[in-house]
Amino acid sequence: MISVDLHTHSTFSDGTFTPEALVRRAAKRHIVILSLTDHDTTSGLERFMSACRKEGIQGVPGVELSADAPFTLHIMGYRIDRLNPSLQKKLENLRINRRKRNEEMIEKLVSLGIPISMEDVIAESGGEVVARPHIARVMVSRGFVPDMAGAFRRYIGRDCPAYVPSLRLAPKDCLSVIREAGGLPVLGHPGLMGLDEDELFRLLGGLADQGLWGLECISGHHGAGEIYYWLKVADRFGLFPTAGSDFHGADRPVSELGVSVTEGLLPWARLGVRI
């Protein structure tokens, strides 16, 4: 068995660890293969890969895209060329849309008697991508809610009074831009989608036909029984089973870095690494 983690986040999106601190933590936990999959940005990858080389960890450059769907549909891209022009153009557009969304949510919060500003939230983020967790942290620090869960539950979660839907790429466009950047697209934490089996199989069949490479079967969001189920589903659709914790740091302490897998879980060379 080896310890790997193909789903992590840093301060460049909504994680609380810098790329270097993330890699140091992984080294202490004896992780041998690690990927940084920040939301809508590759800006942390250069520092991440440098830190991986320093610590002797096999690093995989990655990104996570939220696809347009009425449920949670996240697609990771692994072994991407982070400088690919098409990828960078798409990511910049997504970040512009995020900024507009954040401004609208903050306007709604102010109207609800929660006077925070975009400047407050940008300062809290410290990175390129500002997201709802950063808004929630400001709300907690200013004493408007007791914790981040309360911010999402009462104000900025789906169907809450300050929630604004985001503009996202279609699933096929996520797959296309990842492959155009030389990457391998993988559907993340499928257990969070909440689909019945007929809906699930229709979705996976279509995504597989459009170039989906893998399915995150071993996830920090999946229990043991769920992992067994998702491994069977991956086999049914000819998808490679991947493993990741979805580590964000202090905001989600229940998910720790590292997942134990067999050495033969994946054709590691396809990800640009070897064991």
C-alpha atoms as a PDB file:
ATOM      1  CA  MET A   1       0.000   0.000   0.000  1.00  0.00           C
ATOM      2  CA  ILE A   2       1.057   3.579  -0.645  1.00  0.00           C
ATOM      3  CA  SER A   3      -0.338   6.917   0.502  1.00  0.00           C
ATOM      4  CA  VAL A   4      -1.452   9.342  -2.244  1.00  0.00           C
ATOM      5  CA  ASP A   5      -3.715  12.368  -2.536  1.00  0.00           C
ATOM      6  CA  LEU A   6      -4.978  13.587  -5.901  1.00  0.00           C
ATOM      7  CA  HIS A   7      -7.455  16.183  -4.598  1.00  0.00           C
ATOM      8  CA  THR A   8      -6.158  19.087  -2.504  1.00  0.00           C
ATOM      9  CA  HIS A   9      -6.564  22.858  -2.317  1.00  0.00           C
ATOM     10  CA  SER A  10      -4.293  25.740  -1.323  1.00  0.00           C
ATOM     11  CA  THR A  11      -4.588  29.430  -0.479  1.00  0.00           C
ATOM     12  CA  PHE A  12      -4.677  30.127  -4.219  1.00  0.00           C
ATOM     13  CA  SER A  13      -8.327  29.052  -4.125  1.00  0.00           C
ATOM     14  CA  ASP A  14     -10.284  28.129  -0.977  1.00  0.00           C
ATOM     15  CA  GLY A  15      -7.730  26.159   1.032  1.00  0.00           C
ATOM     16  CA  THR A  16      -6.000  27.446   4.165  1.00  0.00           C
ATOM     17  CA  PHE A  17      -2.487  26.081   3.463  1.00  0.00           C
ATOM     18  CA  THR A  18       0.034  27.640   1.076  1.00  0.00           C
ATOM     19  CA  PRO A  19       1.332  25.239  -1.595  1.00  0.00           C
ATOM     20  CA  GLU A  20       4.585  24.864   0.351  1.00  0.00           C
ATOM     21  CA  ALA A  21       2.811  24.186   3.669  1.00  0.00           C
ATOM     22  CA  LEU A  22       0.542  21.681   1.939  1.00  0.00           C
ATOM     23  CA  VAL A  23       3.534  19.763   0.570  1.00  0.00           C
ATOM     24  CA  ARG A  24       5.347  19.828   3.915  1.00  0.00           C
ATOM     25  CA  ARG A  25       2.269  18.390   5.605  1.00  0.00           C
ATOM     26  CA  ALA A  26       2.079  15.696   2.923  1.00  0.00           C
ATOM     27  CA  ALA A  27       5.741  14.810   3.460  1.00  0.00           C
ATOM     28  CA  LYS A  28       5.160  14.379   7.197  1.00  0.00           C
ATOM     29  CA  ARG A  29       2.305  12.021   6.372  1.00  0.00           C
ATOM     30  CA  HIS A  30       4.543   9.995   4.004  1.00  0.00           C
ATOM     31  CA  ILE A  31       2.461  10.752   0.912  1.00  0.00           C
ATOM     32  CA  VAL A  32       4.307   9.706  -2.238  1.00  0.00           C
ATOM     33  CA  ILE A  33       2.039  11.175  -4.959  1.00  0.00           C
ATOM     34  CA  LEU A  34       0.258  14.514  -4.495  1.00  0.00           C
ATOM     35  CA  SER A  35      -1.804  16.764  -6.742  1.00  0.00           C
ATOM     36  CA  LEU A  36      -2.869  20.378  -6.222  1.00  0.00           C
ATOM     37  CA  THR A  37      -6.342  20.896  -7.728  1.00  0.00           C
ATOM     38  CA  ASP A  38      -7.298  24.469  -6.910  1.00  0.00           C
ATOM     39  CA  HIS A  39     -10.617  25.804  -8.182  1.00  0.00           C
ATOM     40  CA  ASP A  40     -10.394  27.731 -11.468  1.00  0.00           C
ATOM     41  CA  THR A  41      -6.695  28.582 -11.158  1.00  0.00           C
ATOM     42  CA  THR A  42      -3.278  27.092 -11.832  1.00  0.00           C
ATOM     43  CA  SER A  43      -1.365  29.970 -10.227  1.00  0.00           C
ATOM     44  CA  GLY A  44      -0.181  27.891  -7.274  1.00  0.00           C
ATOM     45  CA  LEU A  45       1.220  25.072  -9.389  1.00  0.00           C
ATOM     46  CA  GLU A  46       4.721  26.444  -9.968  1.00  0.00           C
ATOM     47  CA  ARG A  47       5.323  26.821  -6.227  1.00  0.00           C
ATOM     48  CA  PHE A  48       3.624  23.480  -5.564  1.00  0.00           C
ATOM     49  CA  MET A  49       5.764  21.527  -8.031  1.00  0.00           C
ATOM     50  CA  SER A  50       8.931  23.190  -6.727  1.00  0.00           C
ATOM     51  CA  ALA A  51       8.002  22.226  -3.158  1.00  0.00           C
ATOM     52  CA  CYS A  52       7.266  18.647  -4.241  1.00  0.00           C
ATOM     53  CA  ARG A  53      10.732  18.342  -5.817  1.00  0.00           C
ATOM     54  CA  LYS A  54      12.298  19.704  -2.620  1.00  0.00           C
ATOM     55  CA  GLU A  55      10.435  17.208  -0.420  1.00  0.00           C
ATOM     56  CA  GLY A  56      10.880  14.230  -2.752  1.00  0.00           C
ATOM     57  CA  ILE A  57       7.158  13.879  -3.489  1.00  0.00           C
ATOM     58  CA  GLN A  58       5.831  12.979  -6.934  1.00  0.00           C
ATOM     59  CA  GLY A  59       3.782  16.055  -7.834  1.00  0.00           C
ATOM     60  CA  VAL A  60       0.904  16.088 -10.326  1.00  0.00           C
ATOM     61  CA  PRO A  61      -0.218  19.487 -11.677  1.00  0.00           C
ATOM     62  CA  GLY A  62      -3.992  19.766 -11.518  1.00  0.00           C
ATOM     63  CA  VAL A  63      -7.066  21.984 -11.505  1.00  0.00           C
ATOM     64  CA  GLU A  64     -10.723  21.602 -10.460  1.00  0.00           C
ATOM     65  CA  LEU A  65     -13.585  22.935 -12.570  1.00  0.00           C
ATOM     66  CA  SER A  66     -17.216  23.220 -11.478  1.00  0.00           C
ATOM     67  CA  ALA A  67     -19.396  22.111 -14.378  1.00  0.00           C
ATOM     68  CA  ASP A  68     -22.823  23.564 -15.104  1.00  0.00           C
ATOM     69  CA  ALA A  69     -25.454  21.232 -13.635  1.00  0.00           C
ATOM     70  CA  PRO A  70     -28.368  21.392 -11.164  1.00  0.00           C
ATOM     71  CA  PHE A  71     -26.238  19.329  -8.765  1.00  0.00           C
ATOM     72  CA  THR A  72     -22.604  19.236  -7.650  1.00  0.00           C
ATOM     73  CA  LEU A  73     -20.511  18.268 -10.692  1.00  0.00           C
ATOM     74  CA  HIS A  74     -16.791  18.851 -10.294  1.00  0.00           C
ATOM     75  CA  ILE A  75     -14.216  17.740 -12.852  1.00  0.00           C
ATOM     76  CA  MET A  76     -10.519  17.598 -12.093  1.00  0.00           C
ATOM     77  CA  GLY A  77      -7.829  17.873 -14.735  1.00  0.00           C
ATOM     78  CA  TYR A  78      -4.533  16.085 -14.073  1.00  0.00           C
ATOM     79  CA  ARG A  79      -1.124  16.410 -15.740  1.00  0.00           C
ATOM     80  CA  ILE A  80      -2.239  19.634 -17.386  1.00  0.00           C
ATOM     81  CA  ASP A  81       0.001  22.122 -19.144  1.00  0.00           C
ATOM     82  CA  ARG A  82      -0.661  25.033 -16.789  1.00  0.00           C
ATOM     83  CA  LEU A  83       0.435  27.574 -19.432  1.00  0.00           C
ATOM     84  CA  ASN A  84      -1.926  26.328 -22.144  1.00  0.00           C
ATOM     85  CA  PRO A  85      -3.513  29.504 -23.644  1.00  0.00           C
ATOM     86  CA  SER A  86      -6.993  28.030 -24.098  1.00  0.00           C
ATOM     87  CA  LEU A  87      -7.056  26.744 -20.530  1.00  0.00           C
ATOM     88  CA  GLN A  88      -5.877  30.064 -19.142  1.00  0.00           C
ATOM     89  CA  LYS A  89      -8.479  31.992 -21.135  1.00  0.00           C
ATOM     90  CA  LYS A  90     -11.273  29.773 -19.824  1.00  0.00           C
ATOM     91  CA  LEU A  91      -9.983  30.048 -16.241  1.00  0.00           C
ATOM     92  CA  GLU A  92      -9.778  33.839 -16.465  1.00  0.00           C
ATOM     93  CA  ASN A  93     -13.392  34.010 -17.667  1.00  0.00           C
ATOM     94  CA  LEU A  94     -14.483  31.786 -14.788  1.00  0.00           C
ATOM     95  CA  ARG A  95     -12.671  34.007 -12.289  1.00  0.00           C
ATOM     96  CA  ILE A  96     -14.302  37.133 -13.761  1.00  0.00           C
ATOM     97  CA  ASN A  97     -17.704  35.498 -13.332  1.00  0.00           C
ATOM     98  CA  ARG A  98     -16.783  34.528  -9.767  1.00  0.00           C
ATOM     99  CA  ARG A  99     -15.913  38.132  -8.941  1.00  0.00           C
ATOM    100  CA  LYS A 100     -19.264  39.375 -10.281  1.00  0.00           C
ATOM    101  CA  ARG A 101     -21.069  36.698  -8.286  1.00  0.00           C
ATOM    102  CA  ASN A 102     -19.186  37.578  -5.090  1.00  0.00           C
ATOM    103  CA  GLU A 103     -20.049  41.257  -5.492  1.00  0.00           C
ATOM    104  CA  GLU A 104     -23.735  40.409  -5.905  1.00  0.00           C
ATOM    105  CA  MET A 105     -23.719  38.174  -2.817  1.00  0.00           C
ATOM    106  CA  ILE A 106     -22.033  40.850  -0.733  1.00  0.00           C
ATOM    107  CA  GLU A 107     -24.634  43.403  -1.889  1.00  0.00           C
ATOM    108  CA  LYS A 108     -27.355  41.019  -0.736  1.00  0.00           C
ATOM    109  CA  LEU A 109     -25.639  40.483   2.617  1.00  0.00           C
ATOM    110  CA  VAL A 110     -25.387  44.242   3.154  1.00  0.00           C
ATOM    111  CA  SER A 111     -29.114  44.568   2.421  1.00  0.00           C
ATOM    112  CA  LEU A 112     -29.721  41.884   5.064  1.00  0.00           C
ATOM    113  CA  GLY A 113     -27.847  43.904   7.687  1.00  0.00           C
ATOM    114  CA  ILE A 114     -24.427  42.294   7.329  1.00  0.00           C
ATOM    115  CA  PRO A 115     -22.117  45.188   6.330  1.00  0.00           C
ATOM    116  CA  ILE A 116     -19.047  43.480   4.904  1.00  0.00           C
ATOM    117  CA  SER A 117     -17.153  44.633   1.811  1.00  0.00           C
ATOM    118  CA  MET A 118     -15.452  43.059  -1.177  1.00  0.00           C
ATOM    119  CA  GLU A 119     -12.168  44.470   0.132  1.00  0.00           C
ATOM    120  CA  ASP A 120     -12.689  42.534   3.389  1.00  0.00           C
ATOM    121  CA  VAL A 121     -13.233  39.307   1.487  1.00  0.00           C
ATOM    122  CA  ILE A 122     -10.276  39.790  -0.880  1.00  0.00           C
ATOM    123  CA  ALA A 123      -8.019  40.438   2.101  1.00  0.00           C
ATOM    124  CA  GLU A 124      -9.318  37.255   3.737  1.00  0.00           C
ATOM    125  CA  SER A 125      -8.685  35.153   0.629  1.00  0.00           C
ATOM    126  CA  GLY A 126      -5.067  36.144   0.079  1.00  0.00           C
ATOM    127  CA  GLY A 127      -5.192  34.386  -3.292  1.00  0.00           C
ATOM    128  CA  GLU A 128      -6.403  34.714  -6.854  1.00  0.00           C
ATOM    129  CA  VAL A 129      -9.747  32.980  -6.458  1.00  0.00           C
ATOM    130  CA  VAL A 130     -12.288  34.416  -4.024  1.00  0.00           C
ATOM    131  CA  ALA A 131     -15.087  32.009  -3.084  1.00  0.00           C
ATOM    132  CA  ARG A 132     -17.954  31.602  -0.664  1.00  0.00           C
ATOM    133  CA  PRO A 133     -15.741  30.161   2.113  1.00  0.00           C
ATOM    134  CA  HIS A 134     -13.852  33.460   2.189  1.00  0.00           C
ATOM    135  CA  ILE A 135     -17.131  35.363   2.577  1.00  0.00           C
ATOM    136  CA  ALA A 136     -18.106  32.964   5.354  1.00  0.00           C
ATOM    137  CA  ARG A 137     -14.784  33.495   7.168  1.00  0.00           C
ATOM    138  CA  VAL A 138     -15.317  37.270   7.176  1.00  0.00           C
ATOM    139  CA  MET A 139     -18.834  36.803   8.505  1.00  0.00           C
ATOM    140  CA  VAL A 140     -17.472  34.647  11.340  1.00  0.00           C
ATOM    141  CA  SER A 141     -14.597  37.017  12.149  1.00  0.00           C
ATOM    142  CA  ARG A 142     -17.033  39.964  12.356  1.00  0.00           C
ATOM    143  CA  GLY A 143     -19.364  38.028  14.643  1.00  0.00           C
ATOM    144  CA  PHE A 144     -22.364  37.861  12.298  1.00  0.00           C
ATOM    145  CA  VAL A 145     -22.511  34.052  12.482  1.00  0.00           C
ATOM    146  CA  PRO A 146     -20.982  31.628  15.009  1.00  0.00           C
ATOM    147  CA  ASP A 147     -19.246  29.448  12.415  1.00  0.00           C
ATOM    148  CA  MET A 148     -18.846  28.868   8.686  1.00  0.00           C
ATOM    149  CA  ALA A 149     -21.560  26.245   8.616  1.00  0.00           C
ATOM    150  CA  GLY A 150     -23.966  28.848   9.969  1.00  0.00           C
ATOM    151  CA  ALA A 151     -23.001  31.284   7.208  1.00  0.00           C
ATOM    152  CA  PHE A 152     -23.819  28.722   4.551  1.00  0.00           C
ATOM    153  CA  ARG A 153     -26.931  27.426   6.289  1.00  0.00           C
ATOM    154  CA  ARG A 154     -28.509  30.836   6.897  1.00  0.00           C
ATOM    155  CA  TYR A 155     -27.170  33.149   4.197  1.00  0.00           C
ATOM    156  CA  ILE A 156     -24.971  31.939   1.339  1.00  0.00           C
ATOM    157  CA  GLY A 157     -25.870  28.296   0.820  1.00  0.00           C
ATOM    158  CA  ARG A 158     -28.022  27.233  -2.109  1.00  0.00           C
ATOM    159  CA  ASP A 159     -31.577  28.631  -1.819  1.00  0.00           C
ATOM    160  CA  CYS A 160     -30.526  31.022   0.987  1.00  0.00           C
ATOM    161  CA  PRO A 161     -31.313  34.775   0.832  1.00  0.00           C
ATOM    162  CA  ALA A 162     -27.824  35.950  -0.202  1.00  0.00           C
ATOM    163  CA  TYR A 163     -27.060  33.079  -2.579  1.00  0.00           C
ATOM    164  CA  VAL A 164     -26.273  33.860  -6.211  1.00  0.00           C
ATOM    165  CA  PRO A 165     -25.807  31.028  -8.743  1.00  0.00           C
ATOM    166  CA  SER A 166     -22.499  30.934 -10.574  1.00  0.00           C
ATOM    167  CA  LEU A 167     -21.859  30.814 -14.313  1.00  0.00           C
ATOM    168  CA  ARG A 168     -20.000  27.629 -15.220  1.00  0.00           C
ATOM    169  CA  LEU A 169     -18.702  25.693 -18.205  1.00  0.00           C
ATOM    170  CA  ALA A 170     -20.815  22.920 -19.668  1.00  0.00           C
ATOM    171  CA  PRO A 171     -19.505  19.464 -18.671  1.00  0.00           C
ATOM    172  CA  LYS A 172     -18.355  18.703 -22.223  1.00  0.00           C
ATOM    173  CA  ASP A 173     -16.454  22.015 -22.305  1.00  0.00           C
ATOM    174  CA  CYS A 174     -14.692  21.133 -19.037  1.00  0.00           C
ATOM    175  CA  LEU A 175     -13.595  17.830 -20.554  1.00  0.00           C
ATOM    176  CA  SER A 176     -12.538  19.498 -23.790  1.00  0.00           C
ATOM    177  CA  VAL A 177     -10.408  22.246 -22.243  1.00  0.00           C
ATOM    178  CA  ILE A 178      -8.668  19.776 -19.914  1.00  0.00           C
ATOM    179  CA  ARG A 179      -7.818  17.454 -22.788  1.00  0.00           C
ATOM    180  CA  GLU A 180      -6.707  20.385 -24.949  1.00  0.00           C
ATOM    181  CA  ALA A 181      -4.249  21.261 -22.158  1.00  0.00           C
ATOM    182  CA  GLY A 182      -2.853  17.721 -22.310  1.00  0.00           C
ATOM    183  CA  GLY A 183      -4.683  16.619 -19.181  1.00  0.00           C
ATOM    184  CA  LEU A 184      -6.746  13.703 -17.963  1.00  0.00           C
ATOM    185  CA  PRO A 185     -10.297  14.608 -16.803  1.00  0.00           C
ATOM    186  CA  VAL A 186     -11.679  12.917 -13.693  1.00  0.00           C
ATOM    187  CA  LEU A 187     -15.096  13.311 -12.080  1.00  0.00           C
ATOM    188  CA  GLY A 188     -14.624  14.268  -8.428  1.00  0.00           C
ATOM    189  CA  HIS A 189     -16.494  12.975  -5.340  1.00  0.00           C
ATOM    190  CA  PRO A 190     -19.439  11.483  -7.286  1.00  0.00           C
ATOM    191  CA  GLY A 191     -21.226  10.656  -4.032  1.00  0.00           C
ATOM    192  CA  LEU A 192     -22.031  14.364  -3.619  1.00  0.00           C
ATOM    193  CA  MET A 193     -24.081  14.518  -6.823  1.00  0.00           C
ATOM    194  CA  GLY A 194     -27.186  13.016  -5.220  1.00  0.00           C
ATOM    195  CA  LEU A 195     -28.398  11.279  -8.391  1.00  0.00           C
ATOM    196  CA  ASP A 196     -30.421   8.082  -8.556  1.00  0.00           C
ATOM    197  CA  GLU A 197     -28.760   5.228 -10.403  1.00  0.00           C
ATOM    198  CA  ASP A 198     -30.567   5.749 -13.711  1.00  0.00           C
ATOM    199  CA  GLU A 199     -29.587   9.436 -13.767  1.00  0.00           C
ATOM    200  CA  LEU A 200     -26.059   8.565 -12.696  1.00  0.00           C
ATOM    201  CA  PHE A 201     -25.549   5.980 -15.406  1.00  0.00           C
ATOM    202  CA  ARG A 202     -26.895   8.296 -18.103  1.00  0.00           C
ATOM    203  CA  LEU A 203     -24.526  11.025 -16.953  1.00  0.00           C
ATOM    204  CA  LEU A 204     -21.457   8.800 -16.746  1.00  0.00           C
ATOM    205  CA  GLY A 205     -22.209   7.165 -20.083  1.00  0.00           C
ATOM    206  CA  GLY A 206     -22.370  10.554 -21.750  1.00  0.00           C
ATOM    207  CA  LEU A 207     -19.248  11.893 -20.024  1.00  0.00           C
ATOM    208  CA  ALA A 208     -17.292   8.735 -20.860  1.00  0.00           C
ATOM    209  CA  ASP A 209     -18.251   9.134 -24.520  1.00  0.00           C
ATOM    210  CA  GLN A 210     -17.026  12.755 -24.358  1.00  0.00           C
ATOM    211  CA  GLY A 211     -13.606  11.828 -22.966  1.00  0.00           C
ATOM    212  CA  LEU A 212     -13.897  11.385 -19.193  1.00  0.00           C
ATOM    213  CA  TRP A 213     -10.831   9.395 -18.064  1.00  0.00           C
ATOM    214  CA  GLY A 214     -11.436   8.646 -14.405  1.00  0.00           C
ATOM    215  CA  LEU A 215     -13.781   8.601 -11.426  1.00  0.00           C
ATOM    216  CA  GLU A 216     -12.766   9.634  -7.907  1.00  0.00           C
ATOM    217  CA  CYS A 217     -13.906   6.467  -6.149  1.00  0.00           C
ATOM    218  CA  ILE A 218     -11.780   6.721  -3.011  1.00  0.00           C
ATOM    219  CA  SER A 219     -12.735  10.097  -1.584  1.00  0.00           C
ATOM    220  CA  GLY A 220     -12.756  11.910   1.717  1.00  0.00           C
ATOM    221  CA  HIS A 221     -16.507  12.222   1.098  1.00  0.00           C
ATOM    222  CA  HIS A 222     -17.104   8.453   0.676  1.00  0.00           C
ATOM    223  CA  GLY A 223     -17.474   5.785   3.328  1.00  0.00           C
ATOM    224  CA  ALA A 224     -16.186   2.225   2.899  1.00  0.00           C
ATOM    225  CA  GLY A 225     -19.412   0.914   1.364  1.00  0.00           C
ATOM    226  CA  GLU A 226     -19.594   3.854  -1.010  1.00  0.00           C
ATOM    227  CA  ILE A 227     -16.001   3.305  -2.136  1.00  0.00           C
ATOM    228  CA  TYR A 228     -16.814  -0.303  -3.052  1.00  0.00           C
ATOM    229  CA  TYR A 229     -19.859   0.885  -5.012  1.00  0.00           C
ATOM    230  CA  TRP A 230     -17.953   3.572  -6.910  1.00  0.00           C
ATOM    231  CA  LEU A 231     -15.178   1.131  -7.799  1.00  0.00           C
ATOM    232  CA  LYS A 232     -17.799  -1.103  -9.424  1.00  0.00           C
ATOM    233  CA  VAL A 233     -19.304   1.884 -11.256  1.00  0.00           C
ATOM    234  CA  ALA A 234     -15.877   2.932 -12.571  1.00  0.00           C
ATOM    235  CA  ASP A 235     -15.298  -0.566 -13.891  1.00  0.00           C
ATOM    236  CA  ARG A 236     -18.717  -0.589 -15.571  1.00  0.00           C
ATOM    237  CA  PHE A 237     -17.895   2.536 -17.575  1.00  0.00           C
ATOM    238  CA  GLY A 238     -14.213   1.803 -18.225  1.00  0.00           C
ATOM    239  CA  LEU A 239     -13.027   4.668 -16.010  1.00  0.00           C
ATOM    240  CA  PHE A 240      -9.856   4.682 -13.943  1.00  0.00           C
ATOM    241  CA  PRO A 241     -10.495   4.887 -10.160  1.00  0.00           C
ATOM    242  CA  THR A 242      -8.663   7.772  -8.496  1.00  0.00           C
ATOM    243  CA  ALA A 243      -8.196   8.720  -4.851  1.00  0.00           C
ATOM    244  CA  GLY A 244      -8.211  12.059  -3.038  1.00  0.00           C
ATOM    245  CA  SER A 245      -9.196  13.621   0.258  1.00  0.00           C
ATOM    246  CA  ASP A 246     -10.510  17.000  -1.011  1.00  0.00           C
ATOM    247  CA  PHE A 247      -8.269  18.567   1.638  1.00  0.00           C
ATOM    248  CA  HIS A 248      -8.925  22.258   2.334  1.00  0.00           C
ATOM    249  CA  GLY A 249      -7.200  22.673   5.683  1.00  0.00           C
ATOM    250  CA  ALA A 250      -8.667  24.346   8.744  1.00  0.00           C
ATOM    251  CA  ASP A 251     -12.068  24.994   7.131  1.00  0.00           C
ATOM    252  CA  ARG A 252     -12.747  21.271   6.782  1.00  0.00           C
ATOM    253  CA  PRO A 253     -10.771  19.495   9.505  1.00  0.00           C
ATOM    254  CA  VAL A 254     -12.628  16.198   8.999  1.00  0.00           C
ATOM    255  CA  SER A 255     -10.723  15.560   5.768  1.00  0.00           C
ATOM    256  CA  GLU A 256      -7.047  14.860   6.390  1.00  0.00           C
ATOM    257  CA  LEU A 257      -4.382  14.557   3.737  1.00  0.00           C
ATOM    258  CA  GLY A 258      -3.620  11.141   2.290  1.00  0.00           C
ATOM    259  CA  VAL A 259      -5.479   8.061   1.085  1.00  0.00           C
ATOM    260  CA  SER A 260      -4.047   4.531   1.242  1.00  0.00           C
ATOM    261  CA  VAL A 261      -4.252   2.667  -2.067  1.00  0.00           C
ATOM    262  CA  THR A 262      -2.637  -0.321  -3.743  1.00  0.00           C
ATOM    263  CA  GLU A 263       0.423   0.407  -5.852  1.00  0.00           C
ATOM    264  CA  GLY A 264      -1.402  -0.872  -8.925  1.00  0.00           C
ATOM    265  CA  LEU A 265      -4.499   1.316  -8.532  1.00  0.00           C
ATOM    266  CA  LEU A 266      -3.629   3.502 -11.532  1.00  0.00           C
ATOM    267  CA  PRO A 267      -1.307   3.542 -14.531  1.00  0.00           C
ATOM    268  CA  TRP A 268       0.768   6.177 -12.739  1.00  0.00           C
ATOM    269  CA  ALA A 269       2.846   6.949 -15.830  1.00  0.00           C
ATOM    270  CA  ARG A 270      -0.284   8.403 -17.434  1.00  0.00           C
ATOM    271  CA  LEU A 271      -0.205  11.002 -14.665  1.00  0.00           C
ATOM    272  CA  GLY A 272       3.463  11.729 -15.311  1.00  0.00           C
ATOM    273  CA  VAL A 273       4.713  10.014 -12.159  1.00  0.00           C
ATOM    274  CA  ARG A 274       6.217   6.650 -11.215  1.00  0.00           C
ATOM    275  CA  ILE A 275       6.500   4.636  -8.042  1.00  0.00           C
END
